[in-house]
Amino acid sequence: GKEMGGVEIVETLNKLGGENGIGIADLVENRLVGMKSRGVYETPGGTI
């Protein structure tokens, strides 16, 4: 119910998501340059 700008929304959801273990991704991806690479990504607000 609280209107916010884009930056504040992402920051707010990052906090809520992070506290609840949201948005952790472990993946092997196909890089543009042809090889596979493995990475762990934290995107709590974005996932929400």
ModelCIF file with pLDDT and N, C-alpha, C, O atoms, coordinates in Angstrom:
data_MODEL
#
_entry.id   MODEL 
#
_entity.id                         1 
_entity.type                       polymer 
_entity.pdbx_number_of_molecules   1 
#
_entity_poly.entity_id                      1 
_entity_poly.type                           'polypeptide(L)' 
_entity_poly.nstd_linkage                   no 
_entity_poly.nstd_monomer                   no 
_entity_poly.pdbx_seq_one_letter_code       GKEMGGVEIVETLNKLGGENGIGIADLVENRLVGMKSRGVYETPGGTI 
_entity_poly.pdbx_seq_one_letter_code_can   GKEMGGVEIVETLNKLGGENGIGIADLVENRLVGMKSRGVYETPGGTI 
_entity_poly.pdbx_strand_id                 A 
#
loop_
_entity_poly_seq.entity_id 
_entity_poly_seq.num 
_entity_poly_seq.mon_id 
_entity_poly_seq.hetero 
1 1  GLY n 
1 2  LYS n 
1 3  GLU n 
1 4  MET n 
1 5  GLY n 
1 6  GLY n 
1 7  VAL n 
1 8  GLU n 
1 9  ILE n 
1 10 VAL n 
1 11 GLU n 
1 12 THR n 
1 13 LEU n 
1 14 ASN n 
1 15 LYS n 
1 16 LEU n 
1 17 GLY n 
1 18 GLY n 
1 19 GLU n 
1 20 ASN n 
1 21 GLY n 
1 22 ILE n 
1 23 GLY n 
1 24 ILE n 
1 25 ALA n 
1 26 ASP n 
1 27 LEU n 
1 28 VAL n 
1 29 GLU n 
1 30 ASN n 
1 31 ARG n 
1 32 LEU n 
1 33 VAL n 
1 34 GLY n 
1 35 MET n 
1 36 LYS n 
1 37 SER n 
1 38 ARG n 
1 39 GLY n 
1 40 VAL n 
1 41 TYR n 
1 42 GLU n 
1 43 THR n 
1 44 PRO n 
1 45 GLY n 
1 46 GLY n 
1 47 THR n 
1 48 ILE n 
#
_struct_asym.id          A 
_struct_asym.entity_id   1 
#
loop_
_ma_qa_metric.id 
_ma_qa_metric.mode 
_ma_qa_metric.name 
_ma_qa_metric.software_group_id 
_ma_qa_metric.type 
1 global pLDDT . pLDDT 
2 local  pLDDT . pLDDT 
#
_ma_qa_metric_global.metric_id      1 
_ma_qa_metric_global.metric_value   97.65 
_ma_qa_metric_global.model_id       1 
_ma_qa_metric_global.ordinal_id     1 
#
loop_
_ma_qa_metric_local.label_asym_id 
_ma_qa_metric_local.label_comp_id 
_ma_qa_metric_local.label_seq_id 
_ma_qa_metric_local.metric_id 
_ma_qa_metric_local.metric_value 
_ma_qa_metric_local.model_id 
_ma_qa_metric_local.ordinal_id 
A GLY 1  2 98.00 1 1  
A LYS 2  2 98.00 1 2  
A GLU 3  2 98.00 1 3  
A MET 4  2 98.00 1 4  
A GLY 5  2 98.00 1 5  
A GLY 6  2 98.00 1 6  
A VAL 7  2 98.00 1 7  
A GLU 8  2 98.00 1 8  
A ILE 9  2 98.00 1 9  
A VAL 10 2 98.00 1 10 
A GLU 11 2 98.00 1 11 
A THR 12 2 98.00 1 12 
A LEU 13 2 98.00 1 13 
A ASN 14 2 98.00 1 14 
A LYS 15 2 98.00 1 15 
A LEU 16 2 98.00 1 16 
A GLY 17 2 98.00 1 17 
A GLY 18 2 98.00 1 18 
A GLU 19 2 98.00 1 19 
A ASN 20 2 98.00 1 20 
A GLY 21 2 98.00 1 21 
A ILE 22 2 98.00 1 22 
A GLY 23 2 98.00 1 23 
A ILE 24 2 98.00 1 24 
A ALA 25 2 98.00 1 25 
A ASP 26 2 98.00 1 26 
A LEU 27 2 97.00 1 27 
A VAL 28 2 98.00 1 28 
A GLU 29 2 98.00 1 29 
A ASN 30 2 98.00 1 30 
A ARG 31 2 97.00 1 31 
A LEU 32 2 96.00 1 32 
A VAL 33 2 93.00 1 33 
A GLY 34 2 95.00 1 34 
A MET 35 2 96.00 1 35 
A LYS 36 2 97.00 1 36 
A SER 37 2 97.00 1 37 
A ARG 38 2 97.00 1 38 
A GLY 39 2 97.00 1 39 
A VAL 40 2 98.00 1 40 
A TYR 41 2 98.00 1 41 
A GLU 42 2 98.00 1 42 
A THR 43 2 98.00 1 43 
A PRO 44 2 98.00 1 44 
A GLY 45 2 98.00 1 45 
A GLY 46 2 98.00 1 46 
A THR 47 2 98.00 1 47 
A ILE 48 2 99.00 1 48 
#
loop_
_atom_site.group_PDB 
_atom_site.id 
_atom_site.type_symbol 
_atom_site.label_atom_id 
_atom_site.label_alt_id 
_atom_site.label_comp_id 
_atom_site.label_asym_id 
_atom_site.label_entity_id 
_atom_site.label_seq_id 
_atom_site.pdbx_PDB_ins_code 
_atom_site.Cartn_x 
_atom_site.Cartn_y 
_atom_site.Cartn_z 
_atom_site.occupancy 
_atom_site.B_iso_or_equiv 
_atom_site.pdbx_formal_charge 
_atom_site.auth_seq_id 
_atom_site.auth_comp_id 
_atom_site.auth_asym_id 
_atom_site.auth_atom_id 
_atom_site.pdbx_PDB_model_num 
ATOM 1   N N  . GLY A 1 1  ? 0.779  -1.233  0.000   1.00 98.00 ? 1  GLY A N  1 
ATOM 2   C CA . GLY A 1 1  ? 0.000  0.000   0.000   1.00 98.00 ? 1  GLY A CA 1 
ATOM 3   C C  . GLY A 1 1  ? 0.809  1.280   0.000   1.00 98.00 ? 1  GLY A C  1 
ATOM 4   O O  . GLY A 1 1  ? 0.235  2.364   -0.109  1.00 98.00 ? 1  GLY A O  1 
ATOM 5   N N  . LYS A 1 2  ? 2.119  1.190   0.119   1.00 98.00 ? 2  LYS A N  1 
ATOM 6   C CA . LYS A 1 2  ? 2.968  2.380   0.130   1.00 98.00 ? 2  LYS A CA 1 
ATOM 7   C C  . LYS A 1 2  ? 3.565  2.601   -1.254  1.00 98.00 ? 2  LYS A C  1 
ATOM 8   O O  . LYS A 1 2  ? 4.296  1.755   -1.769  1.00 98.00 ? 2  LYS A O  1 
ATOM 9   N N  . GLU A 1 3  ? 3.244  3.752   -1.849  1.00 98.00 ? 3  GLU A N  1 
ATOM 10  C CA . GLU A 1 3  ? 3.807  4.064   -3.160  1.00 98.00 ? 3  GLU A CA 1 
ATOM 11  C C  . GLU A 1 3  ? 5.296  4.360   -3.031  1.00 98.00 ? 3  GLU A C  1 
ATOM 12  O O  . GLU A 1 3  ? 5.731  5.040   -2.101  1.00 98.00 ? 3  GLU A O  1 
ATOM 13  N N  . MET A 1 4  ? 6.070  3.838   -3.981  1.00 98.00 ? 4  MET A N  1 
ATOM 14  C CA . MET A 1 4  ? 7.528  3.991   -3.948  1.00 98.00 ? 4  MET A CA 1 
ATOM 15  C C  . MET A 1 4  ? 8.059  4.145   -5.368  1.00 98.00 ? 4  MET A C  1 
ATOM 16  O O  . MET A 1 4  ? 7.412  3.753   -6.339  1.00 98.00 ? 4  MET A O  1 
ATOM 17  N N  . GLY A 1 5  ? 9.253  4.726   -5.465  1.00 98.00 ? 5  GLY A N  1 
ATOM 18  C CA . GLY A 1 5  ? 9.970  4.735   -6.727  1.00 98.00 ? 5  GLY A CA 1 
ATOM 19  C C  . GLY A 1 5  ? 10.585 3.365   -6.970  1.00 98.00 ? 5  GLY A C  1 
ATOM 20  O O  . GLY A 1 5  ? 10.601 2.510   -6.085  1.00 98.00 ? 5  GLY A O  1 
ATOM 21  N N  . GLY A 1 6  ? 11.085 3.172   -8.172  1.00 98.00 ? 6  GLY A N  1 
ATOM 22  C CA . GLY A 1 6  ? 11.620 1.878   -8.549  1.00 98.00 ? 6  GLY A CA 1 
ATOM 23  C C  . GLY A 1 6  ? 12.746 1.387   -7.669  1.00 98.00 ? 6  GLY A C  1 
ATOM 24  O O  . GLY A 1 6  ? 12.764 0.223   -7.269  1.00 98.00 ? 6  GLY A O  1 
ATOM 25  N N  . VAL A 1 7  ? 13.694 2.271   -7.360  1.00 98.00 ? 7  VAL A N  1 
ATOM 26  C CA . VAL A 1 7  ? 14.844 1.881   -6.544  1.00 98.00 ? 7  VAL A CA 1 
ATOM 27  C C  . VAL A 1 7  ? 14.393 1.445   -5.155  1.00 98.00 ? 7  VAL A C  1 
ATOM 28  O O  . VAL A 1 7  ? 14.863 0.432   -4.638  1.00 98.00 ? 7  VAL A O  1 
ATOM 29  N N  . GLU A 1 8  ? 13.483 2.208   -4.552  1.00 98.00 ? 8  GLU A N  1 
ATOM 30  C CA . GLU A 1 8  ? 13.013 1.859   -3.211  1.00 98.00 ? 8  GLU A CA 1 
ATOM 31  C C  . GLU A 1 8  ? 12.244 0.538   -3.215  1.00 98.00 ? 8  GLU A C  1 
ATOM 32  O O  . GLU A 1 8  ? 12.341 -0.239  -2.265  1.00 98.00 ? 8  GLU A O  1 
ATOM 33  N N  . ILE A 1 9  ? 11.487 0.283   -4.270  1.00 98.00 ? 9  ILE A N  1 
ATOM 34  C CA . ILE A 1 9  ? 10.760 -0.988  -4.359  1.00 98.00 ? 9  ILE A CA 1 
ATOM 35  C C  . ILE A 1 9  ? 11.726 -2.153  -4.387  1.00 98.00 ? 9  ILE A C  1 
ATOM 36  O O  . ILE A 1 9  ? 11.541 -3.128  -3.660  1.00 98.00 ? 9  ILE A O  1 
ATOM 37  N N  . VAL A 1 10 ? 12.757 -2.068  -5.218  1.00 98.00 ? 10 VAL A N  1 
ATOM 38  C CA . VAL A 1 10 ? 13.731 -3.161  -5.297  1.00 98.00 ? 10 VAL A CA 1 
ATOM 39  C C  . VAL A 1 10 ? 14.442 -3.337  -3.957  1.00 98.00 ? 10 VAL A C  1 
ATOM 40  O O  . VAL A 1 10 ? 14.633 -4.464  -3.501  1.00 98.00 ? 10 VAL A O  1 
ATOM 41  N N  . GLU A 1 11 ? 14.832 -2.241  -3.331  1.00 98.00 ? 11 GLU A N  1 
ATOM 42  C CA . GLU A 1 11 ? 15.512 -2.328  -2.036  1.00 98.00 ? 11 GLU A CA 1 
ATOM 43  C C  . GLU A 1 11 ? 14.603 -2.942  -0.976  1.00 98.00 ? 11 GLU A C  1 
ATOM 44  O O  . GLU A 1 11 ? 15.043 -3.774  -0.183  1.00 98.00 ? 11 GLU A O  1 
ATOM 45  N N  . THR A 1 12 ? 13.337 -2.532  -0.964  1.00 98.00 ? 12 THR A N  1 
ATOM 46  C CA . THR A 1 12 ? 12.381 -3.063  0.015   1.00 98.00 ? 12 THR A CA 1 
ATOM 47  C C  . THR A 1 12 ? 12.183 -4.562  -0.170  1.00 98.00 ? 12 THR A C  1 
ATOM 48  O O  . THR A 1 12 ? 12.192 -5.322  0.798   1.00 98.00 ? 12 THR A O  1 
ATOM 49  N N  . LEU A 1 13 ? 12.003 -4.981  -1.415  1.00 98.00 ? 13 LEU A N  1 
ATOM 50  C CA . LEU A 1 13 ? 11.784 -6.405  -1.684  1.00 98.00 ? 13 LEU A CA 1 
ATOM 51  C C  . LEU A 1 13 ? 13.061 -7.217  -1.501  1.00 98.00 ? 13 LEU A C  1 
ATOM 52  O O  . LEU A 1 13 ? 12.999 -8.395  -1.149  1.00 98.00 ? 13 LEU A O  1 
ATOM 53  N N  . ASN A 1 14 ? 14.208 -6.605  -1.735  1.00 98.00 ? 14 ASN A N  1 
ATOM 54  C CA . ASN A 1 14 ? 15.469 -7.296  -1.435  1.00 98.00 ? 14 ASN A CA 1 
ATOM 55  C C  . ASN A 1 14 ? 15.540 -7.655  0.043   1.00 98.00 ? 14 ASN A C  1 
ATOM 56  O O  . ASN A 1 14 ? 15.951 -8.757  0.407   1.00 98.00 ? 14 ASN A O  1 
ATOM 57  N N  . LYS A 1 15 ? 15.136 -6.713  0.889   1.00 98.00 ? 15 LYS A N  1 
ATOM 58  C CA . LYS A 1 15 ? 15.182 -6.955  2.328   1.00 98.00 ? 15 LYS A CA 1 
ATOM 59  C C  . LYS A 1 15 ? 14.201 -8.068  2.722   1.00 98.00 ? 15 LYS A C  1 
ATOM 60  O O  . LYS A 1 15 ? 14.570 -9.007  3.428   1.00 98.00 ? 15 LYS A O  1 
ATOM 61  N N  . LEU A 1 16 ? 12.959 -7.956  2.263   1.00 98.00 ? 16 LEU A N  1 
ATOM 62  C CA . LEU A 1 16 ? 11.955 -8.969  2.594   1.00 98.00 ? 16 LEU A CA 1 
ATOM 63  C C  . LEU A 1 16 ? 12.344 -10.339 2.032   1.00 98.00 ? 16 LEU A C  1 
ATOM 64  O O  . LEU A 1 16 ? 12.252 -11.356 2.721   1.00 98.00 ? 16 LEU A O  1 
ATOM 65  N N  . GLY A 1 17 ? 12.772 -10.345 0.793   1.00 98.00 ? 17 GLY A N  1 
ATOM 66  C CA . GLY A 1 17 ? 13.149 -11.607 0.169   1.00 98.00 ? 17 GLY A CA 1 
ATOM 67  C C  . GLY A 1 17 ? 14.376 -12.221 0.799   1.00 98.00 ? 17 GLY A C  1 
ATOM 68  O O  . GLY A 1 17 ? 14.422 -13.425 1.048   1.00 98.00 ? 17 GLY A O  1 
ATOM 69  N N  . GLY A 1 18 ? 15.386 -11.380 1.060   1.00 98.00 ? 18 GLY A N  1 
ATOM 70  C CA . GLY A 1 18 ? 16.611 -11.881 1.662   1.00 98.00 ? 18 GLY A CA 1 
ATOM 71  C C  . GLY A 1 18 ? 16.377 -12.500 3.023   1.00 98.00 ? 18 GLY A C  1 
ATOM 72  O O  . GLY A 1 18 ? 16.951 -13.540 3.347   1.00 98.00 ? 18 GLY A O  1 
ATOM 73  N N  . GLU A 1 19 ? 15.531 -11.860 3.824   1.00 98.00 ? 19 GLU A N  1 
ATOM 74  C CA . GLU A 1 19 ? 15.229 -12.378 5.160   1.00 98.00 ? 19 GLU A CA 1 
ATOM 75  C C  . GLU A 1 19 ? 14.543 -13.742 5.118   1.00 98.00 ? 19 GLU A C  1 
ATOM 76  O O  . GLU A 1 19 ? 14.625 -14.518 6.071   1.00 98.00 ? 19 GLU A O  1 
ATOM 77  N N  . ASN A 1 20 ? 13.871 -14.024 4.015   1.00 98.00 ? 20 ASN A N  1 
ATOM 78  C CA . ASN A 1 20 ? 13.112 -15.272 3.900   1.00 98.00 ? 20 ASN A CA 1 
ATOM 79  C C  . ASN A 1 20 ? 13.759 -16.289 2.952   1.00 98.00 ? 20 ASN A C  1 
ATOM 80  O O  . ASN A 1 20 ? 13.117 -17.251 2.532   1.00 98.00 ? 20 ASN A O  1 
ATOM 81  N N  . GLY A 1 21 ? 15.020 -16.070 2.626   1.00 98.00 ? 21 GLY A N  1 
ATOM 82  C CA . GLY A 1 21 ? 15.748 -17.038 1.804   1.00 98.00 ? 21 GLY A CA 1 
ATOM 83  C C  . GLY A 1 21 ? 15.259 -17.144 0.377   1.00 98.00 ? 21 GLY A C  1 
ATOM 84  O O  . GLY A 1 21 ? 15.361 -18.206 -0.236  1.00 98.00 ? 21 GLY A O  1 
ATOM 85  N N  . ILE A 1 22 ? 14.727 -16.053 -0.164  1.00 98.00 ? 22 ILE A N  1 
ATOM 86  C CA . ILE A 1 22 ? 14.164 -16.052 -1.517  1.00 98.00 ? 22 ILE A CA 1 
ATOM 87  C C  . ILE A 1 22 ? 15.242 -15.696 -2.539  1.00 98.00 ? 22 ILE A C  1 
ATOM 88  O O  . ILE A 1 22 ? 16.118 -14.874 -2.268  1.00 98.00 ? 22 ILE A O  1 
ATOM 89  N N  . GLY A 1 23 ? 15.170 -16.319 -3.711  1.00 98.00 ? 23 GLY A N  1 
ATOM 90  C CA . GLY A 1 23 ? 15.945 -15.852 -4.860  1.00 98.00 ? 23 GLY A CA 1 
ATOM 91  C C  . GLY A 1 23 ? 17.368 -16.334 -4.961  1.00 98.00 ? 23 GLY A C  1 
ATOM 92  O O  . GLY A 1 23 ? 18.206 -15.629 -5.525  1.00 98.00 ? 23 GLY A O  1 
ATOM 93  N N  . ILE A 1 24 ? 17.682 -17.506 -4.439  1.00 98.00 ? 24 ILE A N  1 
ATOM 94  C CA . ILE A 1 24 ? 19.021 -18.077 -4.576  1.00 98.00 ? 24 ILE A CA 1 
ATOM 95  C C  . ILE A 1 24 ? 18.985 -19.088 -5.722  1.00 98.00 ? 24 ILE A C  1 
ATOM 96  O O  . ILE A 1 24 ? 18.218 -20.050 -5.684  1.00 98.00 ? 24 ILE A O  1 
ATOM 97  N N  . ALA A 1 25 ? 19.811 -18.867 -6.728  1.00 98.00 ? 25 ALA A N  1 
ATOM 98  C CA . ALA A 1 25 ? 19.821 -19.750 -7.898  1.00 98.00 ? 25 ALA A CA 1 
ATOM 99  C C  . ALA A 1 25 ? 21.227 -20.271 -8.144  1.00 98.00 ? 25 ALA A C  1 
ATOM 100 O O  . ALA A 1 25 ? 22.191 -19.506 -8.164  1.00 98.00 ? 25 ALA A O  1 
ATOM 101 N N  . ASP A 1 26 ? 21.332 -21.567 -8.330  1.00 98.00 ? 26 ASP A N  1 
ATOM 102 C CA . ASP A 1 26 ? 22.592 -22.239 -8.647  1.00 98.00 ? 26 ASP A CA 1 
ATOM 103 C C  . ASP A 1 26 ? 22.425 -22.854 -10.024 1.00 98.00 ? 26 ASP A C  1 
ATOM 104 O O  . ASP A 1 26 ? 21.616 -23.765 -10.199 1.00 98.00 ? 26 ASP A O  1 
ATOM 105 N N  . LEU A 1 27 ? 23.172 -22.375 -10.998 1.00 97.00 ? 27 LEU A N  1 
ATOM 106 C CA . LEU A 1 27 ? 22.972 -22.893 -12.343 1.00 97.00 ? 27 LEU A CA 1 
ATOM 107 C C  . LEU A 1 27 ? 24.263 -22.980 -13.143 1.00 97.00 ? 27 LEU A C  1 
ATOM 108 O O  . LEU A 1 27 ? 25.205 -22.217 -12.927 1.00 97.00 ? 27 LEU A O  1 
ATOM 109 N N  . VAL A 1 28 ? 24.280 -23.916 -14.057 1.00 98.00 ? 28 VAL A N  1 
ATOM 110 C CA . VAL A 1 28 ? 25.312 -24.000 -15.084 1.00 98.00 ? 28 VAL A CA 1 
ATOM 111 C C  . VAL A 1 28 ? 24.695 -23.426 -16.347 1.00 98.00 ? 28 VAL A C  1 
ATOM 112 O O  . VAL A 1 28 ? 23.736 -23.976 -16.887 1.00 98.00 ? 28 VAL A O  1 
ATOM 113 N N  . GLU A 1 29 ? 25.251 -22.315 -16.812 1.00 98.00 ? 29 GLU A N  1 
ATOM 114 C CA . GLU A 1 29 ? 24.668 -21.613 -17.953 1.00 98.00 ? 29 GLU A CA 1 
ATOM 115 C C  . GLU A 1 29 ? 25.584 -21.700 -19.167 1.00 98.00 ? 29 GLU A C  1 
ATOM 116 O O  . GLU A 1 29 ? 26.776 -21.983 -19.051 1.00 98.00 ? 29 GLU A O  1 
ATOM 117 N N  . ASN A 1 30 ? 25.003 -21.453 -20.322 1.00 98.00 ? 30 ASN A N  1 
ATOM 118 C CA . ASN A 1 30 ? 25.759 -21.419 -21.572 1.00 98.00 ? 30 ASN A CA 1 
ATOM 119 C C  . ASN A 1 30 ? 26.191 -19.993 -21.859 1.00 98.00 ? 30 ASN A C  1 
ATOM 120 O O  . ASN A 1 30 ? 25.374 -19.141 -22.209 1.00 98.00 ? 30 ASN A O  1 
ATOM 121 N N  . ARG A 1 31 ? 27.485 -19.743 -21.708 1.00 97.00 ? 31 ARG A N  1 
ATOM 122 C CA . ARG A 1 31 ? 27.999 -18.409 -22.005 1.00 97.00 ? 31 ARG A CA 1 
ATOM 123 C C  . ARG A 1 31 ? 27.919 -18.123 -23.506 1.00 97.00 ? 31 ARG A C  1 
ATOM 124 O O  . ARG A 1 31 ? 27.908 -19.033 -24.334 1.00 97.00 ? 31 ARG A O  1 
ATOM 125 N N  . LEU A 1 32 ? 27.864 -16.838 -23.824 1.00 96.00 ? 32 LEU A N  1 
ATOM 126 C CA . LEU A 1 32 ? 27.848 -16.406 -25.212 1.00 96.00 ? 32 LEU A CA 1 
ATOM 127 C C  . LEU A 1 32 ? 29.097 -16.874 -25.948 1.00 96.00 ? 32 LEU A C  1 
ATOM 128 O O  . LEU A 1 32 ? 29.029 -17.194 -27.135 1.00 96.00 ? 32 LEU A O  1 
ATOM 129 N N  . VAL A 1 33 ? 30.235 -16.919 -25.263 1.00 93.00 ? 33 VAL A N  1 
ATOM 130 C CA . VAL A 1 33 ? 31.498 -17.253 -25.923 1.00 93.00 ? 33 VAL A CA 1 
ATOM 131 C C  . VAL A 1 33 ? 31.686 -18.751 -26.120 1.00 93.00 ? 33 VAL A C  1 
ATOM 132 O O  . VAL A 1 33 ? 32.734 -19.179 -26.602 1.00 93.00 ? 33 VAL A O  1 
ATOM 133 N N  . GLY A 1 34 ? 30.688 -19.558 -25.755 1.00 95.00 ? 34 GLY A N  1 
ATOM 134 C CA . GLY A 1 34 ? 30.719 -20.953 -26.149 1.00 95.00 ? 34 GLY A CA 1 
ATOM 135 C C  . GLY A 1 34 ? 30.888 -21.979 -25.050 1.00 95.00 ? 34 GLY A C  1 
ATOM 136 O O  . GLY A 1 34 ? 30.568 -23.151 -25.252 1.00 95.00 ? 34 GLY A O  1 
ATOM 137 N N  . MET A 1 35 ? 31.384 -21.572 -23.892 1.00 96.00 ? 35 MET A N  1 
ATOM 138 C CA . MET A 1 35 ? 31.610 -22.534 -22.817 1.00 96.00 ? 35 MET A CA 1 
ATOM 139 C C  . MET A 1 35 ? 30.455 -22.510 -21.822 1.00 96.00 ? 35 MET A C  1 
ATOM 140 O O  . MET A 1 35 ? 29.646 -21.582 -21.813 1.00 96.00 ? 35 MET A O  1 
ATOM 141 N N  . LYS A 1 36 ? 30.391 -23.522 -21.000 1.00 97.00 ? 36 LYS A N  1 
ATOM 142 C CA . LYS A 1 36 ? 29.459 -23.544 -19.877 1.00 97.00 ? 36 LYS A CA 1 
ATOM 143 C C  . LYS A 1 36 ? 30.163 -22.991 -18.642 1.00 97.00 ? 36 LYS A C  1 
ATOM 144 O O  . LYS A 1 36 ? 31.364 -23.194 -18.463 1.00 97.00 ? 36 LYS A O  1 
ATOM 145 N N  . SER A 1 37 ? 29.421 -22.301 -17.803 1.00 97.00 ? 37 SER A N  1 
ATOM 146 C CA . SER A 1 37 ? 29.986 -21.792 -16.556 1.00 97.00 ? 37 SER A CA 1 
ATOM 147 C C  . SER A 1 37 ? 28.965 -21.972 -15.444 1.00 97.00 ? 37 SER A C  1 
ATOM 148 O O  . SER A 1 37 ? 27.758 -21.989 -15.682 1.00 97.00 ? 37 SER A O  1 
ATOM 149 N N  . ARG A 1 38 ? 29.472 -22.105 -14.228 1.00 97.00 ? 38 ARG A N  1 
ATOM 150 C CA . ARG A 1 38 ? 28.606 -22.324 -13.075 1.00 97.00 ? 38 ARG A CA 1 
ATOM 151 C C  . ARG A 1 38 ? 28.639 -21.089 -12.186 1.00 97.00 ? 38 ARG A C  1 
ATOM 152 O O  . ARG A 1 38 ? 29.708 -20.548 -11.902 1.00 97.00 ? 38 ARG A O  1 
ATOM 153 N N  . GLY A 1 39 ? 27.492 -20.657 -11.759 1.00 97.00 ? 39 GLY A N  1 
ATOM 154 C CA . GLY A 1 39 ? 27.416 -19.505 -10.881 1.00 97.00 ? 39 GLY A CA 1 
ATOM 155 C C  . GLY A 1 39 ? 26.280 -19.636 -9.891  1.00 97.00 ? 39 GLY A C  1 
ATOM 156 O O  . GLY A 1 39 ? 25.298 -20.340 -10.130 1.00 97.00 ? 39 GLY A O  1 
ATOM 157 N N  . VAL A 1 40 ? 26.433 -18.941 -8.771  1.00 98.00 ? 40 VAL A N  1 
ATOM 158 C CA . VAL A 1 40 ? 25.359 -18.827 -7.782  1.00 98.00 ? 40 VAL A CA 1 
ATOM 159 C C  . VAL A 1 40 ? 24.913 -17.369 -7.768  1.00 98.00 ? 40 VAL A C  1 
ATOM 160 O O  . VAL A 1 40 ? 25.733 -16.460 -7.641  1.00 98.00 ? 40 VAL A O  1 
ATOM 161 N N  . TYR A 1 41 ? 23.612 -17.158 -7.898  1.00 98.00 ? 41 TYR A N  1 
ATOM 162 C CA . TYR A 1 41 ? 23.058 -15.808 -7.971  1.00 98.00 ? 41 TYR A CA 1 
ATOM 163 C C  . TYR A 1 41 ? 22.099 -15.564 -6.817  1.00 98.00 ? 41 TYR A C  1 
ATOM 164 O O  . TYR A 1 41 ? 21.274 -16.414 -6.483  1.00 98.00 ? 41 TYR A O  1 
ATOM 165 N N  . GLU A 1 42 ? 22.224 -14.388 -6.214  1.00 98.00 ? 42 GLU A N  1 
ATOM 166 C CA . GLU A 1 42 ? 21.270 -13.931 -5.204  1.00 98.00 ? 42 GLU A CA 1 
ATOM 167 C C  . GLU A 1 42 ? 20.447 -12.800 -5.813  1.00 98.00 ? 42 GLU A C  1 
ATOM 168 O O  . GLU A 1 42 ? 20.984 -11.739 -6.130  1.00 98.00 ? 42 GLU A O  1 
ATOM 169 N N  . THR A 1 43 ? 19.150 -13.025 -5.975  1.00 98.00 ? 43 THR A N  1 
ATOM 170 C CA . THR A 1 43 ? 18.261 -12.006 -6.541  1.00 98.00 ? 43 THR A CA 1 
ATOM 171 C C  . THR A 1 43 ? 16.948 -12.006 -5.763  1.00 98.00 ? 43 THR A C  1 
ATOM 172 O O  . THR A 1 43 ? 15.911 -12.364 -6.321  1.00 98.00 ? 43 THR A O  1 
ATOM 173 N N  . PRO A 1 44 ? 16.965 -11.617 -4.501  1.00 98.00 ? 44 PRO A N  1 
ATOM 174 C CA . PRO A 1 44 ? 15.758 -11.759 -3.672  1.00 98.00 ? 44 PRO A CA 1 
ATOM 175 C C  . PRO A 1 44 ? 14.590 -10.909 -4.138  1.00 98.00 ? 44 PRO A C  1 
ATOM 176 O O  . PRO A 1 44 ? 13.502 -11.437 -4.367  1.00 98.00 ? 44 PRO A O  1 
ATOM 177 N N  . GLY A 1 45 ? 14.788 -9.608  -4.283  1.00 98.00 ? 45 GLY A N  1 
ATOM 178 C CA . GLY A 1 45 ? 13.693 -8.743  -4.711  1.00 98.00 ? 45 GLY A CA 1 
ATOM 179 C C  . GLY A 1 45 ? 13.265 -9.021  -6.130  1.00 98.00 ? 45 GLY A C  1 
ATOM 180 O O  . GLY A 1 45 ? 12.074 -9.007  -6.439  1.00 98.00 ? 45 GLY A O  1 
ATOM 181 N N  . GLY A 1 46 ? 14.231 -9.274  -6.999  1.00 98.00 ? 46 GLY A N  1 
ATOM 182 C CA . GLY A 1 46 ? 13.923 -9.549  -8.396  1.00 98.00 ? 46 GLY A CA 1 
ATOM 183 C C  . GLY A 1 46 ? 13.091 -10.805 -8.569  1.00 98.00 ? 46 GLY A C  1 
ATOM 184 O O  . GLY A 1 46 ? 12.179 -10.841 -9.394  1.00 98.00 ? 46 GLY A O  1 
ATOM 185 N N  . THR A 1 47 ? 13.400 -11.830 -7.797  1.00 98.00 ? 47 THR A N  1 
ATOM 186 C CA . THR A 1 47 ? 12.638 -13.073 -7.883  1.00 98.00 ? 47 THR A CA 1 
ATOM 187 C C  . THR A 1 47 ? 11.183 -12.844 -7.480  1.00 98.00 ? 47 THR A C  1 
ATOM 188 O O  . THR A 1 47 ? 10.268 -13.393 -8.094  1.00 98.00 ? 47 THR A O  1 
ATOM 189 N N  . ILE A 1 48 ? 10.978 -12.041 -6.460  1.00 99.00 ? 48 ILE A N  1 
ATOM 190 C CA . ILE A 1 48 ? 9.611  -11.703 -6.036  1.00 99.00 ? 48 ILE A CA 1 
ATOM 191 C C  . ILE A 1 48 ? 8.884  -10.937 -7.136  1.00 99.00 ? 48 ILE A C  1 
ATOM 192 O O  . ILE A 1 48 ? 7.723  -10.566 -6.966  1.00 99.00 ? 48 ILE A O  1 
#
